[in-house]
Amino acid sequence: MTAPKAKFTNKTRDEPIAILGAGSWGTALALYLSRLGQAVRLWTPDNTAMIAMQTERTNNRYMPGYRFPDNLQPVANLTDALSDTRDILIAVPSVAFHDLLTLLNPLLSSQTRIVWVTKGLDPRTGQLLHEVAQEVLTTCRTYAVLSGPSFAREVAAGLPTAVVAASNESAFTHDVVQRFNSPVFRVYSSTDMIGVEIGGIVKNVLAIATGISDGMAFGANARSALITRGLAELMRLGIALGGHAETMMGLTGLGDLVLTCTDDQSRNRRFGIALGQDKHPDEAARDIGQVVEGKRNAELIVQLAKLHQIEMPITETVWEILRGNLTPHAAMQLLLSREPKAENE
């Protein structure tokens, strides 16, 4: 089946938006919003990358082949990027999230609103990102998360995508939907920030697990079992943290999990495949060449599960592989030899 050709509207949202982070996701969403007619300012702390984008009018490193529209402006100075801008989109790895908010905090006003597409836990504390925002931001108190089953390159190409927006302020949820929604990018609303965030965190580790299984040629049956039992782990942790089961059965939980575990566009899945083919984790990560969030977050998720007395055997096994305590073969045998139990346990 041929994917429908993208039909971008010219409906212009009056206010500009600053996108902080010019990796795959930041660039894809900058392209997407600019095609909707919005004024977009794209910022990165990487001065070399910024000069290249300003000169070449494209991001050859992370999103080659897509020329920037005239209303997409790479801006080198952070203050200039934020000037007369109420809405900010953050698209940086989770390891950089806290430091970026700290940098931003003195530059923000009470009218500023922040939405992020970052998926992961804070590496210092293991906190969810909305908890980091609560702790760091002193003036700006309105923020949202935008998440769901989506690959940056498909968004840049205008292929159909569906995601979820959740905010601590219902009016901002509505505005995020209005700003981002289009015929090729459907945005659903939610009041469950925890549920939306946790799906995007745990699915990365589970994608490593399914990648390991596929790298070992264990087949489709094993992949299906890992996805399904992985969903049970995701839901147990999410509910323990205060998330809603229906959120985790939706786009940001089950949807993102299936996408990340089954498509080779997923860096976490490709990383797992390499592990299943006996590559060392560090070598596999170098070969990927971009951030593998599941590798960074596995230990944090295991610690969070232990804190809340949640059993997450697949996630724990991935962490044991990453820390060198188990080989992939031994890990899979360990999972398969677990005591039989009721499926709903």
C-alpha atoms as a PDB file:
ATOM      1  CA  MET A   1       0.000   0.000   0.000  1.00  0.00           C
ATOM      2  CA  THR A   2       1.363   3.406  -0.990  1.00  0.00           C
ATOM      3  CA  ALA A   3       1.371   5.989   1.788  1.00  0.00           C
ATOM      4  CA  PRO A   4      -0.866   8.998   1.101  1.00  0.00           C
ATOM      5  CA  LYS A   5       0.967  12.078  -0.099  1.00  0.00           C
ATOM      6  CA  ALA A   6       1.350  14.704   2.601  1.00  0.00           C
ATOM      7  CA  LYS A   7      -0.981  17.675   2.340  1.00  0.00           C
ATOM      8  CA  PHE A   8       0.363  20.458   4.498  1.00  0.00           C
ATOM      9  CA  THR A   9      -1.998  23.292   5.263  1.00  0.00           C
ATOM     10  CA  ASN A  10      -1.112  26.985   5.141  1.00  0.00           C
ATOM     11  CA  LYS A  11      -3.027  27.691   8.329  1.00  0.00           C
ATOM     12  CA  THR A  12      -0.700  30.013  10.195  1.00  0.00           C
ATOM     13  CA  ARG A  13      -0.531  30.039  13.971  1.00  0.00           C
ATOM     14  CA  ASP A  14       0.166  33.633  14.879  1.00  0.00           C
ATOM     15  CA  GLU A  15       2.811  33.108  17.533  1.00  0.00           C
ATOM     16  CA  PRO A  16       6.338  31.914  16.696  1.00  0.00           C
ATOM     17  CA  ILE A  17       7.761  28.849  18.412  1.00  0.00           C
ATOM     18  CA  ALA A  18      11.328  28.208  19.550  1.00  0.00           C
ATOM     19  CA  ILE A  19      12.585  24.645  19.090  1.00  0.00           C
ATOM     20  CA  LEU A  20      15.561  23.841  21.289  1.00  0.00           C
ATOM     21  CA  GLY A  21      17.531  20.877  20.009  1.00  0.00           C
ATOM     22  CA  ALA A  22      18.412  20.306  16.366  1.00  0.00           C
ATOM     23  CA  GLY A  23      18.772  16.544  16.288  1.00  0.00           C
ATOM     24  CA  SER A  24      16.448  14.278  14.337  1.00  0.00           C
ATOM     25  CA  TRP A  25      13.319  15.152  16.301  1.00  0.00           C
ATOM     26  CA  GLY A  26      13.897  18.852  16.687  1.00  0.00           C
ATOM     27  CA  THR A  27      14.612  19.179  12.977  1.00  0.00           C
ATOM     28  CA  ALA A  28      11.665  17.023  11.906  1.00  0.00           C
ATOM     29  CA  LEU A  29       9.206  19.038  13.991  1.00  0.00           C
ATOM     30  CA  ALA A  30      10.763  22.321  12.865  1.00  0.00           C
ATOM     31  CA  LEU A  31      10.205  21.251   9.255  1.00  0.00           C
ATOM     32  CA  TYR A  32       6.677  20.091  10.007  1.00  0.00           C
ATOM     33  CA  LEU A  33       5.546  23.234  11.845  1.00  0.00           C
ATOM     34  CA  SER A  34       7.141  25.545   9.301  1.00  0.00           C
ATOM     35  CA  ARG A  35       5.213  23.765   6.541  1.00  0.00           C
ATOM     36  CA  LEU A  36       2.053  24.608   8.451  1.00  0.00           C
ATOM     37  CA  GLY A  37       3.006  28.261   8.035  1.00  0.00           C
ATOM     38  CA  GLN A  38       4.319  28.818  11.549  1.00  0.00           C
ATOM     39  CA  ALA A  39       7.385  30.924  12.304  1.00  0.00           C
ATOM     40  CA  VAL A  40       9.974  28.523  13.719  1.00  0.00           C
ATOM     41  CA  ARG A  41      13.298  29.322  15.372  1.00  0.00           C
ATOM     42  CA  LEU A  42      15.609  26.321  15.650  1.00  0.00           C
ATOM     43  CA  TRP A  43      18.426  26.460  18.207  1.00  0.00           C
ATOM     44  CA  THR A  44      21.307  24.168  19.125  1.00  0.00           C
ATOM     45  CA  PRO A  45      24.300  24.793  21.402  1.00  0.00           C
ATOM     46  CA  ASP A  46      26.505  23.163  18.741  1.00  0.00           C
ATOM     47  CA  ASN A  47      27.945  26.221  16.998  1.00  0.00           C
ATOM     48  CA  THR A  48      29.461  24.222  14.134  1.00  0.00           C
ATOM     49  CA  ALA A  49      26.116  22.587  13.400  1.00  0.00           C
ATOM     50  CA  MET A  50      24.360  25.952  13.631  1.00  0.00           C
ATOM     51  CA  ILE A  51      26.695  27.586  11.097  1.00  0.00           C
ATOM     52  CA  ALA A  52      26.203  24.643   8.733  1.00  0.00           C
ATOM     53  CA  MET A  53      22.401  24.876   8.990  1.00  0.00           C
ATOM     54  CA  GLN A  54      22.410  28.627   8.443  1.00  0.00           C
ATOM     55  CA  THR A  55      24.679  28.285   5.419  1.00  0.00           C
ATOM     56  CA  GLU A  56      23.216  25.171   3.807  1.00  0.00           C
ATOM     57  CA  ARG A  57      19.557  25.663   4.856  1.00  0.00           C
ATOM     58  CA  THR A  58      19.302  21.987   5.789  1.00  0.00           C
ATOM     59  CA  ASN A  59      20.448  19.648   8.568  1.00  0.00           C
ATOM     60  CA  ASN A  60      22.751  17.285   6.722  1.00  0.00           C
ATOM     61  CA  ARG A  61      23.775  15.413   9.853  1.00  0.00           C
ATOM     62  CA  TYR A  62      20.397  14.477  11.305  1.00  0.00           C
ATOM     63  CA  MET A  63      17.842  15.051   8.538  1.00  0.00           C
ATOM     64  CA  PRO A  64      19.581  15.183   5.134  1.00  0.00           C
ATOM     65  CA  GLY A  65      17.530  15.836   2.029  1.00  0.00           C
ATOM     66  CA  TYR A  66      15.041  18.293   3.550  1.00  0.00           C
ATOM     67  CA  ARG A  67      15.565  21.972   2.742  1.00  0.00           C
ATOM     68  CA  PHE A  68      14.442  24.503   5.336  1.00  0.00           C
ATOM     69  CA  PRO A  69      11.444  26.667   4.353  1.00  0.00           C
ATOM     70  CA  ASP A  70      11.994  30.416   4.607  1.00  0.00           C
ATOM     71  CA  ASN A  71      10.010  30.627   7.860  1.00  0.00           C
ATOM     72  CA  LEU A  72      12.349  28.128   9.583  1.00  0.00           C
ATOM     73  CA  GLN A  73      15.286  30.088  10.941  1.00  0.00           C
ATOM     74  CA  PRO A  74      18.302  28.491  12.648  1.00  0.00           C
ATOM     75  CA  VAL A  75      19.191  30.927  15.447  1.00  0.00           C
ATOM     76  CA  ALA A  76      22.598  30.795  17.136  1.00  0.00           C
ATOM     77  CA  ASN A  77      21.793  32.922  20.193  1.00  0.00           C
ATOM     78  CA  LEU A  78      19.399  31.403  22.735  1.00  0.00           C
ATOM     79  CA  THR A  79      18.078  34.791  23.848  1.00  0.00           C
ATOM     80  CA  ASP A  80      17.287  35.668  20.233  1.00  0.00           C
ATOM     81  CA  ALA A  81      15.544  32.323  19.754  1.00  0.00           C
ATOM     82  CA  LEU A  82      13.296  33.050  22.736  1.00  0.00           C
ATOM     83  CA  SER A  83      12.593  36.706  21.883  1.00  0.00           C
ATOM     84  CA  ASP A  84       8.843  37.449  21.685  1.00  0.00           C
ATOM     85  CA  THR A  85       8.183  33.712  21.911  1.00  0.00           C
ATOM     86  CA  ARG A  86       5.686  32.304  24.377  1.00  0.00           C
ATOM     87  CA  ASP A  87       5.922  28.645  23.344  1.00  0.00           C
ATOM     88  CA  ILE A  88       9.074  26.526  23.514  1.00  0.00           C
ATOM     89  CA  LEU A  89       9.532  22.981  22.236  1.00  0.00           C
ATOM     90  CA  ILE A  90      12.365  20.980  23.801  1.00  0.00           C
ATOM     91  CA  ALA A  91      13.834  18.145  21.740  1.00  0.00           C
ATOM     92  CA  VAL A  92      17.035  17.085  23.482  1.00  0.00           C
ATOM     93  CA  PRO A  93      18.126  13.732  24.967  1.00  0.00           C
ATOM     94  CA  SER A  94      17.023  13.074  28.552  1.00  0.00           C
ATOM     95  CA  VAL A  95      20.614  13.453  29.785  1.00  0.00           C
ATOM     96  CA  ALA A  96      20.559  17.118  28.659  1.00  0.00           C
ATOM     97  CA  PHE A  97      17.030  17.981  29.823  1.00  0.00           C
ATOM     98  CA  HIS A  98      17.808  19.194  33.360  1.00  0.00           C
ATOM     99  CA  ASP A  99      20.753  21.336  32.281  1.00  0.00           C
ATOM    100  CA  LEU A 100      18.748  22.940  29.483  1.00  0.00           C
ATOM    101  CA  LEU A 101      15.905  23.833  31.856  1.00  0.00           C
ATOM    102  CA  THR A 102      18.457  25.291  34.270  1.00  0.00           C
ATOM    103  CA  LEU A 103      19.889  27.401  31.447  1.00  0.00           C
ATOM    104  CA  LEU A 104      16.415  28.500  30.378  1.00  0.00           C
ATOM    105  CA  ASN A 105      14.956  29.285  33.791  1.00  0.00           C
ATOM    106  CA  PRO A 106      16.249  32.875  34.221  1.00  0.00           C
ATOM    107  CA  LEU A 107      15.218  33.706  30.646  1.00  0.00           C
ATOM    108  CA  LEU A 108      11.566  32.718  31.049  1.00  0.00           C
ATOM    109  CA  SER A 109       8.460  34.603  32.148  1.00  0.00           C
ATOM    110  CA  SER A 110       5.229  33.498  33.757  1.00  0.00           C
ATOM    111  CA  GLN A 111       3.688  33.559  30.271  1.00  0.00           C
ATOM    112  CA  THR A 112       6.162  31.037  28.843  1.00  0.00           C
ATOM    113  CA  ARG A 113       4.885  27.559  28.038  1.00  0.00           C
ATOM    114  CA  ILE A 114       7.124  24.554  27.407  1.00  0.00           C
ATOM    115  CA  VAL A 115       6.347  21.301  25.599  1.00  0.00           C
ATOM    116  CA  TRP A 116       8.898  18.519  25.225  1.00  0.00           C
ATOM    117  CA  VAL A 117       9.253  15.441  23.053  1.00  0.00           C
ATOM    118  CA  THR A 118      12.140  14.075  25.126  1.00  0.00           C
ATOM    119  CA  LYS A 119      11.631  10.489  26.319  1.00  0.00           C
ATOM    120  CA  GLY A 120      13.516   9.265  29.357  1.00  0.00           C
ATOM    121  CA  LEU A 121      14.258   9.714  33.046  1.00  0.00           C
ATOM    122  CA  ASP A 122      16.544  12.288  34.610  1.00  0.00           C
ATOM    123  CA  PRO A 123      19.937  10.540  34.886  1.00  0.00           C
ATOM    124  CA  ARG A 124      20.811  12.266  38.175  1.00  0.00           C
ATOM    125  CA  THR A 125      17.663  11.451  40.128  1.00  0.00           C
ATOM    126  CA  GLY A 126      15.574   8.992  38.123  1.00  0.00           C
ATOM    127  CA  GLN A 127      12.727  11.522  38.102  1.00  0.00           C
ATOM    128  CA  LEU A 128      10.113  11.787  35.384  1.00  0.00           C
ATOM    129  CA  LEU A 129      10.711  14.871  33.272  1.00  0.00           C
ATOM    130  CA  HIS A 130       7.632  16.729  34.494  1.00  0.00           C
ATOM    131  CA  GLU A 131       9.035  16.320  38.016  1.00  0.00           C
ATOM    132  CA  VAL A 132      12.302  17.853  36.819  1.00  0.00           C
ATOM    133  CA  ALA A 133      10.327  20.770  35.365  1.00  0.00           C
ATOM    134  CA  GLN A 134       8.461  21.236  38.653  1.00  0.00           C
ATOM    135  CA  GLU A 135      11.760  21.347  40.522  1.00  0.00           C
ATOM    136  CA  VAL A 136      13.826  23.539  38.188  1.00  0.00           C
ATOM    137  CA  LEU A 137      11.380  26.065  36.729  1.00  0.00           C
ATOM    138  CA  THR A 138      10.559  28.919  39.081  1.00  0.00           C
ATOM    139  CA  THR A 139       8.669  31.352  36.833  1.00  0.00           C
ATOM    140  CA  CYS A 140       7.322  29.278  33.962  1.00  0.00           C
ATOM    141  CA  ARG A 141       4.804  26.846  35.464  1.00  0.00           C
ATOM    142  CA  THR A 142       2.999  25.614  32.350  1.00  0.00           C
ATOM    143  CA  TYR A 143       4.385  22.622  30.500  1.00  0.00           C
ATOM    144  CA  ALA A 144       3.352  19.615  28.459  1.00  0.00           C
ATOM    145  CA  VAL A 145       4.659  16.393  26.963  1.00  0.00           C
ATOM    146  CA  LEU A 146       4.048  15.334  23.358  1.00  0.00           C
ATOM    147  CA  SER A 147       4.624  11.631  22.790  1.00  0.00           C
ATOM    148  CA  GLY A 148       3.524   8.619  20.791  1.00  0.00           C
ATOM    149  CA  PRO A 149       4.540   6.071  18.156  1.00  0.00           C
ATOM    150  CA  SER A 150       6.543   8.209  15.765  1.00  0.00           C
ATOM    151  CA  PHE A 151       9.825   8.195  13.893  1.00  0.00           C
ATOM    152  CA  ALA A 152      11.341  11.581  13.095  1.00  0.00           C
ATOM    153  CA  ARG A 153      12.111  10.763   9.466  1.00  0.00           C
ATOM    154  CA  GLU A 154       8.484   9.805   8.753  1.00  0.00           C
ATOM    155  CA  VAL A 155       7.263  13.066  10.288  1.00  0.00           C
ATOM    156  CA  ALA A 156       9.744  14.992   8.148  1.00  0.00           C
ATOM    157  CA  ALA A 157       8.467  13.110   5.091  1.00  0.00           C
ATOM    158  CA  GLY A 158       4.869  14.040   5.886  1.00  0.00           C
ATOM    159  CA  LEU A 159       3.708  10.471   6.516  1.00  0.00           C
ATOM    160  CA  PRO A 160       0.620  10.003   8.736  1.00  0.00           C
ATOM    161  CA  THR A 161       1.375  10.038  12.468  1.00  0.00           C
ATOM    162  CA  ALA A 162      -0.698  10.080  15.669  1.00  0.00           C
ATOM    163  CA  VAL A 163       0.557  11.259  19.064  1.00  0.00           C
ATOM    164  CA  VAL A 164      -0.763  12.427  22.442  1.00  0.00           C
ATOM    165  CA  ALA A 165      -0.377  15.749  24.279  1.00  0.00           C
ATOM    166  CA  ALA A 166      -0.705  16.008  28.055  1.00  0.00           C
ATOM    167  CA  SER A 167      -0.138  19.094  30.191  1.00  0.00           C
ATOM    168  CA  ASN A 168      -0.463  20.285  33.759  1.00  0.00           C
ATOM    169  CA  GLU A 169      -2.808  22.978  32.376  1.00  0.00           C
ATOM    170  CA  SER A 170      -5.815  21.922  30.295  1.00  0.00           C
ATOM    171  CA  ALA A 171      -5.765  25.168  28.300  1.00  0.00           C
ATOM    172  CA  PHE A 172      -2.200  24.450  27.202  1.00  0.00           C
ATOM    173  CA  THR A 173      -3.121  20.899  26.198  1.00  0.00           C
ATOM    174  CA  HIS A 174      -5.744  22.431  23.927  1.00  0.00           C
ATOM    175  CA  ASP A 175      -3.236  24.902  22.473  1.00  0.00           C
ATOM    176  CA  VAL A 176      -0.641  22.170  21.841  1.00  0.00           C
ATOM    177  CA  VAL A 177      -3.273  20.182  19.962  1.00  0.00           C
ATOM    178  CA  GLN A 178      -4.239  23.248  17.933  1.00  0.00           C
ATOM    179  CA  ARG A 179      -0.637  24.116  17.103  1.00  0.00           C
ATOM    180  CA  PHE A 180       0.488  20.630  16.071  1.00  0.00           C
ATOM    181  CA  ASN A 181      -2.615  18.912  14.712  1.00  0.00           C
ATOM    182  CA  SER A 182      -3.004  18.543  10.936  1.00  0.00           C
ATOM    183  CA  PRO A 183      -4.323  15.998   8.417  1.00  0.00           C
ATOM    184  CA  VAL A 184      -0.976  14.150   8.579  1.00  0.00           C
ATOM    185  CA  PHE A 185      -0.188  14.627  12.279  1.00  0.00           C
ATOM    186  CA  ARG A 186      -3.121  13.795  14.528  1.00  0.00           C
ATOM    187  CA  VAL A 187      -2.813  14.926  18.138  1.00  0.00           C
ATOM    188  CA  TYR A 188      -4.998  13.450  20.860  1.00  0.00           C
ATOM    189  CA  SER A 189      -5.307  15.084  24.286  1.00  0.00           C
ATOM    190  CA  SER A 190      -4.802  13.523  27.711  1.00  0.00           C
ATOM    191  CA  THR A 191      -4.774  14.612  31.336  1.00  0.00           C
ATOM    192  CA  ASP A 192      -2.375  11.807  32.306  1.00  0.00           C
ATOM    193  CA  MET A 193       1.171  13.186  32.091  1.00  0.00           C
ATOM    194  CA  ILE A 194       2.605  10.262  34.054  1.00  0.00           C
ATOM    195  CA  GLY A 195       1.042   7.639  31.803  1.00  0.00           C
ATOM    196  CA  VAL A 196       2.120   9.473  28.659  1.00  0.00           C
ATOM    197  CA  GLU A 197       5.697   9.826  29.911  1.00  0.00           C
ATOM    198  CA  ILE A 198       6.184   6.309  31.271  1.00  0.00           C
ATOM    199  CA  GLY A 199       5.268   4.630  27.987  1.00  0.00           C
ATOM    200  CA  GLY A 200       7.967   6.537  26.142  1.00  0.00           C
ATOM    201  CA  ILE A 201      10.530   5.578  28.782  1.00  0.00           C
ATOM    202  CA  VAL A 202      10.020   1.840  29.323  1.00  0.00           C
ATOM    203  CA  LYS A 203       9.399   0.957  25.678  1.00  0.00           C
ATOM    204  CA  ASN A 204      13.014   1.765  24.803  1.00  0.00           C
ATOM    205  CA  VAL A 205      14.382  -0.932  27.117  1.00  0.00           C
ATOM    206  CA  LEU A 206      11.798  -3.418  25.872  1.00  0.00           C
ATOM    207  CA  ALA A 207      12.840  -2.629  22.295  1.00  0.00           C
ATOM    208  CA  ILE A 208      16.380  -3.589  23.253  1.00  0.00           C
ATOM    209  CA  ALA A 209      15.012  -6.899  24.569  1.00  0.00           C
ATOM    210  CA  THR A 210      13.112  -7.690  21.375  1.00  0.00           C
ATOM    211  CA  GLY A 211      16.132  -6.638  19.346  1.00  0.00           C
ATOM    212  CA  ILE A 212      18.315  -9.059  21.297  1.00  0.00           C
ATOM    213  CA  SER A 213      15.804 -11.836  20.635  1.00  0.00           C
ATOM    214  CA  ASP A 214      15.703 -11.068  16.916  1.00  0.00           C
ATOM    215  CA  GLY A 215      19.485 -10.758  16.782  1.00  0.00           C
ATOM    216  CA  MET A 216      19.623 -14.296  18.142  1.00  0.00           C
ATOM    217  CA  ALA A 217      17.043 -15.397  15.525  1.00  0.00           C
ATOM    218  CA  PHE A 218      14.551 -16.511  18.180  1.00  0.00           C
ATOM    219  CA  GLY A 219      11.677 -15.772  15.811  1.00  0.00           C
ATOM    220  CA  ALA A 220       8.322 -14.004  15.719  1.00  0.00           C
ATOM    221  CA  ASN A 221       6.767 -16.000  18.569  1.00  0.00           C
ATOM    222  CA  ALA A 222       9.444 -14.854  21.002  1.00  0.00           C
ATOM    223  CA  ARG A 223       9.168 -11.256  19.788  1.00  0.00           C
ATOM    224  CA  SER A 224       5.405 -11.274  20.350  1.00  0.00           C
ATOM    225  CA  ALA A 225       5.817 -12.736  23.833  1.00  0.00           C
ATOM    226  CA  LEU A 226       8.402 -10.124  24.803  1.00  0.00           C
ATOM    227  CA  ILE A 227       6.214  -7.271  23.575  1.00  0.00           C
ATOM    228  CA  THR A 228       3.147  -8.563  25.407  1.00  0.00           C
ATOM    229  CA  ARG A 229       4.873  -9.372  28.678  1.00  0.00           C
ATOM    230  CA  GLY A 230       6.825  -6.148  28.330  1.00  0.00           C
ATOM    231  CA  LEU A 231       3.552  -4.241  28.152  1.00  0.00           C
ATOM    232  CA  ALA A 232       2.575  -5.857  31.457  1.00  0.00           C
ATOM    233  CA  GLU A 233       5.806  -4.541  33.005  1.00  0.00           C
ATOM    234  CA  LEU A 234       5.228  -1.071  31.583  1.00  0.00           C
ATOM    235  CA  MET A 235       1.698  -0.988  32.974  1.00  0.00           C
ATOM    236  CA  ARG A 236       2.686  -2.255  36.419  1.00  0.00           C
ATOM    237  CA  LEU A 237       5.254   0.504  36.794  1.00  0.00           C
ATOM    238  CA  GLY A 238       3.050   3.186  35.271  1.00  0.00           C
ATOM    239  CA  ILE A 239       0.121   2.399  37.549  1.00  0.00           C
ATOM    240  CA  ALA A 240       2.402   2.315  40.602  1.00  0.00           C
ATOM    241  CA  LEU A 241       3.611   5.817  39.703  1.00  0.00           C
ATOM    242  CA  GLY A 242       0.051   7.122  39.325  1.00  0.00           C
ATOM    243  CA  GLY A 243      -0.543   6.665  35.598  1.00  0.00           C
ATOM    244  CA  HIS A 244      -3.779   5.358  34.117  1.00  0.00           C
ATOM    245  CA  ALA A 245      -4.077   1.899  32.565  1.00  0.00           C
ATOM    246  CA  GLU A 246      -6.045   3.217  29.578  1.00  0.00           C
ATOM    247  CA  THR A 247      -3.219   5.633  28.726  1.00  0.00           C
ATOM    248  CA  MET A 248      -0.701   2.813  28.629  1.00  0.00           C
ATOM    249  CA  MET A 249      -3.011   0.742  26.430  1.00  0.00           C
ATOM    250  CA  GLY A 250      -3.121   3.647  23.981  1.00  0.00           C
ATOM    251  CA  LEU A 251      -0.751   5.385  21.593  1.00  0.00           C
ATOM    252  CA  THR A 252       1.934   6.372  24.096  1.00  0.00           C
ATOM    253  CA  GLY A 253       2.108   2.935  25.694  1.00  0.00           C
ATOM    254  CA  LEU A 254       1.121   0.000  23.509  1.00  0.00           C
ATOM    255  CA  GLY A 255       1.400   2.013  20.301  1.00  0.00           C
ATOM    256  CA  ASP A 256       4.919   3.281  20.934  1.00  0.00           C
ATOM    257  CA  LEU A 257       5.969  -0.118  22.280  1.00  0.00           C
ATOM    258  CA  VAL A 258       4.881  -1.989  19.148  1.00  0.00           C
ATOM    259  CA  LEU A 259       6.502   0.566  16.842  1.00  0.00           C
ATOM    260  CA  THR A 260       9.823   0.615  18.661  1.00  0.00           C
ATOM    261  CA  CYS A 261      10.018  -3.156  19.073  1.00  0.00           C
ATOM    262  CA  THR A 262       9.211  -4.077  15.476  1.00  0.00           C
ATOM    263  CA  ASP A 263      10.739  -1.498  13.131  1.00  0.00           C
ATOM    264  CA  ASP A 264      14.441  -1.187  12.379  1.00  0.00           C
ATOM    265  CA  GLN A 265      14.205   2.607  12.321  1.00  0.00           C
ATOM    266  CA  SER A 266      14.317   2.233  16.117  1.00  0.00           C
ATOM    267  CA  ARG A 267      17.820   2.841  17.449  1.00  0.00           C
ATOM    268  CA  ASN A 268      16.998   0.844  20.578  1.00  0.00           C
ATOM    269  CA  ARG A 269      15.888  -2.154  18.540  1.00  0.00           C
ATOM    270  CA  ARG A 270      18.983  -1.990  16.309  1.00  0.00           C
ATOM    271  CA  PHE A 271      21.150  -1.741  19.413  1.00  0.00           C
ATOM    272  CA  GLY A 272      19.484  -4.868  20.801  1.00  0.00           C
ATOM    273  CA  ILE A 273      19.972  -6.752  17.529  1.00  0.00           C
ATOM    274  CA  ALA A 274      23.689  -5.972  17.731  1.00  0.00           C
ATOM    275  CA  LEU A 275      23.808  -7.277  21.312  1.00  0.00           C
ATOM    276  CA  GLY A 276      22.042 -10.451  20.199  1.00  0.00           C
ATOM    277  CA  GLN A 277      24.782 -10.882  17.613  1.00  0.00           C
ATOM    278  CA  ASP A 278      27.402 -10.772  20.399  1.00  0.00           C
ATOM    279  CA  LYS A 279      28.545  -7.169  20.067  1.00  0.00           C
ATOM    280  CA  HIS A 280      29.686  -5.407  23.223  1.00  0.00           C
ATOM    281  CA  PRO A 281      27.211  -2.703  24.372  1.00  0.00           C
ATOM    282  CA  ASP A 282      29.755   0.089  23.886  1.00  0.00           C
ATOM    283  CA  GLU A 283      30.602  -1.088  20.367  1.00  0.00           C
ATOM    284  CA  ALA A 284      26.923  -1.456  19.487  1.00  0.00           C
ATOM    285  CA  ALA A 285      26.189   2.077  20.743  1.00  0.00           C
ATOM    286  CA  ARG A 286      29.074   3.507  18.713  1.00  0.00           C
ATOM    287  CA  ASP A 287      27.760   1.804  15.601  1.00  0.00           C
ATOM    288  CA  ILE A 288      24.323   3.401  16.108  1.00  0.00           C
ATOM    289  CA  GLY A 289      25.972   6.822  16.228  1.00  0.00           C
ATOM    290  CA  GLN A 290      23.084   8.545  18.039  1.00  0.00           C
ATOM    291  CA  VAL A 291      21.559   8.416  21.512  1.00  0.00           C
ATOM    292  CA  VAL A 292      20.179   5.026  22.597  1.00  0.00           C
ATOM    293  CA  GLU A 293      17.826   6.109  25.397  1.00  0.00           C
ATOM    294  CA  GLY A 294      17.095   2.547  26.533  1.00  0.00           C
ATOM    295  CA  LYS A 295      20.769   1.944  27.277  1.00  0.00           C
ATOM    296  CA  ARG A 296      20.886   5.082  29.411  1.00  0.00           C
ATOM    297  CA  ASN A 297      17.590   4.458  31.205  1.00  0.00           C
ATOM    298  CA  ALA A 298      17.638   0.703  31.936  1.00  0.00           C
ATOM    299  CA  GLU A 299      19.342   1.028  35.317  1.00  0.00           C
ATOM    300  CA  LEU A 300      17.117   3.953  36.335  1.00  0.00           C
ATOM    301  CA  ILE A 301      13.957   2.008  35.492  1.00  0.00           C
ATOM    302  CA  VAL A 302      15.160  -1.017  37.471  1.00  0.00           C
ATOM    303  CA  GLN A 303      15.872   1.233  40.466  1.00  0.00           C
ATOM    304  CA  LEU A 304      12.431   2.833  40.157  1.00  0.00           C
ATOM    305  CA  ALA A 305      10.784  -0.598  39.980  1.00  0.00           C
ATOM    306  CA  LYS A 306      12.606  -1.762  43.104  1.00  0.00           C
ATOM    307  CA  LEU A 307      11.631   1.418  44.934  1.00  0.00           C
ATOM    308  CA  HIS A 308       7.973   0.678  44.206  1.00  0.00           C
ATOM    309  CA  GLN A 309       8.362  -3.110  44.622  1.00  0.00           C
ATOM    310  CA  ILE A 310       7.398  -3.783  41.005  1.00  0.00           C
ATOM    311  CA  GLU A 311       8.526  -6.942  39.228  1.00  0.00           C
ATOM    312  CA  MET A 312      10.029  -6.192  35.797  1.00  0.00           C
ATOM    313  CA  PRO A 313      11.990  -9.316  34.770  1.00  0.00           C
ATOM    314  CA  ILE A 314      12.524  -8.378  31.108  1.00  0.00           C
ATOM    315  CA  THR A 315      13.784  -4.907  31.981  1.00  0.00           C
ATOM    316  CA  GLU A 316      15.986  -6.289  34.752  1.00  0.00           C
ATOM    317  CA  THR A 317      17.456  -8.878  32.386  1.00  0.00           C
ATOM    318  CA  VAL A 318      18.350  -6.203  29.821  1.00  0.00           C
ATOM    319  CA  TRP A 319      20.133  -4.253  32.545  1.00  0.00           C
ATOM    320  CA  GLU A 320      22.098  -7.359  33.574  1.00  0.00           C
ATOM    321  CA  ILE A 321      23.232  -7.775  29.960  1.00  0.00           C
ATOM    322  CA  LEU A 322      24.247  -4.116  29.706  1.00  0.00           C
ATOM    323  CA  ARG A 323      26.300  -4.263  32.901  1.00  0.00           C
ATOM    324  CA  GLY A 324      28.052  -7.450  31.757  1.00  0.00           C
ATOM    325  CA  ASN A 325      26.550  -9.839  34.310  1.00  0.00           C
ATOM    326  CA  LEU A 326      24.740 -11.968  31.713  1.00  0.00           C
ATOM    327  CA  THR A 327      25.319 -12.896  28.096  1.00  0.00           C
ATOM    328  CA  PRO A 328      22.286 -12.553  25.810  1.00  0.00           C
ATOM    329  CA  HIS A 329      22.032 -16.354  25.573  1.00  0.00           C
ATOM    330  CA  ALA A 330      22.134 -16.796  29.347  1.00  0.00           C
ATOM    331  CA  ALA A 331      19.634 -13.969  29.810  1.00  0.00           C
ATOM    332  CA  MET A 332      17.091 -15.488  27.448  1.00  0.00           C
ATOM    333  CA  GLN A 333      17.459 -18.882  29.109  1.00  0.00           C
ATOM    334  CA  LEU A 334      16.910 -17.215  32.480  1.00  0.00           C
ATOM    335  CA  LEU A 335      13.678 -15.611  31.286  1.00  0.00           C
ATOM    336  CA  LEU A 336      12.433 -18.847  29.721  1.00  0.00           C
ATOM    337  CA  SER A 337      13.149 -20.862  32.868  1.00  0.00           C
ATOM    338  CA  ARG A 338      11.128 -18.636  35.202  1.00  0.00           C
ATOM    339  CA  GLU A 339       8.479 -20.338  37.311  1.00  0.00           C
ATOM    340  CA  PRO A 340       5.107 -20.589  35.482  1.00  0.00           C
ATOM    341  CA  LYS A 341       2.465 -18.176  36.754  1.00  0.00           C
ATOM    342  CA  ALA A 342      -0.960 -16.771  35.936  1.00  0.00           C
ATOM    343  CA  GLU A 343      -0.877 -14.383  32.963  1.00  0.00           C
ATOM    344  CA  ASN A 344      -2.466 -11.570  34.952  1.00  0.00           C
ATOM    345  CA  GLU A 345       0.296 -11.630  37.584  1.00  0.00           C
END
